[in-house]
Amino acid sequence: MGTVLSPIVSEFETVEQEASYNEWLKAKVAASLADTRPDIPHDEVMAEINALIDQIVAGKGEC
């Protein structure tokens, strides 16, 4: 087991967990930056999710 971290200082239990998470996050960010698909405007995404929420609230849809 690695060095134990204080919960006041870090959300990870050990230095190894923190390093593993940081490597995972860096890979996710790099993949996102390399993604060549076109961006979706924020307003379009919000309109779609609001329509979905309205449909679910009205009892016409399922998650």
C-alpha atoms as a PDB file:
ATOM      1  CA  MET A   1       0.000   0.000   0.000  1.00  0.00           C
ATOM      2  CA  GLY A   2       1.234   3.472  -0.800  1.00  0.00           C
ATOM      3  CA  THR A   3       1.410   6.665   1.153  1.00  0.00           C
ATOM      4  CA  VAL A   4      -1.917   7.437   2.808  1.00  0.00           C
ATOM      5  CA  LEU A   5      -3.236  10.939   2.142  1.00  0.00           C
ATOM      6  CA  SER A   6      -5.284  13.077   4.511  1.00  0.00           C
ATOM      7  CA  PRO A   7      -8.919  13.522   3.419  1.00  0.00           C
ATOM      8  CA  ILE A   8      -8.483  17.225   4.187  1.00  0.00           C
ATOM      9  CA  VAL A   9      -5.708  17.501   1.602  1.00  0.00           C
ATOM     10  CA  SER A  10      -6.831  15.021  -1.076  1.00  0.00           C
ATOM     11  CA  GLU A  11      -9.937  13.144  -2.142  1.00  0.00           C
ATOM     12  CA  PHE A  12      -7.754  10.092  -2.860  1.00  0.00           C
ATOM     13  CA  GLU A  13      -6.685   7.567  -0.249  1.00  0.00           C
ATOM     14  CA  THR A  14      -3.174   7.074  -1.616  1.00  0.00           C
ATOM     15  CA  VAL A  15      -0.630   8.814  -3.825  1.00  0.00           C
ATOM     16  CA  GLU A  16      -0.933   5.904  -6.263  1.00  0.00           C
ATOM     17  CA  GLN A  17      -4.706   6.406  -6.600  1.00  0.00           C
ATOM     18  CA  GLU A  18      -4.154  10.092  -7.280  1.00  0.00           C
ATOM     19  CA  ALA A  19      -1.484   9.368  -9.915  1.00  0.00           C
ATOM     20  CA  SER A  20      -3.700   6.761 -11.576  1.00  0.00           C
ATOM     21  CA  TYR A  21      -6.626   9.174 -11.729  1.00  0.00           C
ATOM     22  CA  ASN A  22      -4.435  11.968 -13.106  1.00  0.00           C
ATOM     23  CA  GLU A  23      -3.164   9.696 -15.907  1.00  0.00           C
ATOM     24  CA  TRP A  24      -6.730   8.616 -16.733  1.00  0.00           C
ATOM     25  CA  LEU A  25      -7.889  12.249 -16.793  1.00  0.00           C
ATOM     26  CA  LYS A  26      -4.986  13.346 -19.006  1.00  0.00           C
ATOM     27  CA  ALA A  27      -5.851  10.559 -21.471  1.00  0.00           C
ATOM     28  CA  LYS A  28      -9.531  11.586 -21.527  1.00  0.00           C
ATOM     29  CA  VAL A  29      -8.635  15.257 -22.121  1.00  0.00           C
ATOM     30  CA  ALA A  30      -6.161  14.344 -24.878  1.00  0.00           C
ATOM     31  CA  ALA A  31      -8.787  12.168 -26.588  1.00  0.00           C
ATOM     32  CA  SER A  32     -11.341  14.954 -26.356  1.00  0.00           C
ATOM     33  CA  LEU A  33      -8.958  17.519 -27.821  1.00  0.00           C
ATOM     34  CA  ALA A  34      -8.099  15.129 -30.665  1.00  0.00           C
ATOM     35  CA  ASP A  35     -11.789  14.491 -31.480  1.00  0.00           C
ATOM     36  CA  THR A  36     -12.530  15.860 -34.939  1.00  0.00           C
ATOM     37  CA  ARG A  37     -16.315  15.663 -34.738  1.00  0.00           C
ATOM     38  CA  PRO A  38     -18.044  19.044 -35.034  1.00  0.00           C
ATOM     39  CA  ASP A  39     -18.929  20.872 -31.847  1.00  0.00           C
ATOM     40  CA  ILE A  40     -22.573  21.025 -30.780  1.00  0.00           C
ATOM     41  CA  PRO A  41     -23.744  24.498 -29.723  1.00  0.00           C
ATOM     42  CA  HIS A  42     -24.748  24.801 -26.063  1.00  0.00           C
ATOM     43  CA  ASP A  43     -28.199  26.134 -26.940  1.00  0.00           C
ATOM     44  CA  GLU A  44     -28.883  23.100 -29.140  1.00  0.00           C
ATOM     45  CA  VAL A  45     -27.861  20.664 -26.403  1.00  0.00           C
ATOM     46  CA  MET A  46     -29.970  22.490 -23.821  1.00  0.00           C
ATOM     47  CA  ALA A  47     -33.008  22.494 -26.125  1.00  0.00           C
ATOM     48  CA  GLU A  48     -32.673  18.730 -26.617  1.00  0.00           C
ATOM     49  CA  ILE A  49     -32.295  17.967 -22.910  1.00  0.00           C
ATOM     50  CA  ASN A  50     -35.152  20.292 -21.949  1.00  0.00           C
ATOM     51  CA  ALA A  51     -37.412  18.538 -24.471  1.00  0.00           C
ATOM     52  CA  LEU A  52     -36.394  15.183 -22.994  1.00  0.00           C
ATOM     53  CA  ILE A  53     -37.077  16.395 -19.456  1.00  0.00           C
ATOM     54  CA  ASP A  54     -40.476  17.751 -20.494  1.00  0.00           C
ATOM     55  CA  GLN A  55     -41.315  14.423 -22.126  1.00  0.00           C
ATOM     56  CA  ILE A  56     -40.341  12.459 -19.015  1.00  0.00           C
ATOM     57  CA  VAL A  57     -42.236  14.791 -16.682  1.00  0.00           C
ATOM     58  CA  ALA A  58     -45.319  14.443 -18.885  1.00  0.00           C
ATOM     59  CA  GLY A  59     -45.047  10.660 -18.506  1.00  0.00           C
ATOM     60  CA  LYS A  60     -44.518  10.063 -22.202  1.00  0.00           C
ATOM     61  CA  GLY A  61     -40.957   8.832 -22.093  1.00  0.00           C
ATOM     62  CA  GLU A  62     -38.593   6.573 -20.290  1.00  0.00           C
ATOM     63  CA  CYS A  63     -35.001   7.065 -19.231  1.00  0.00           C
END
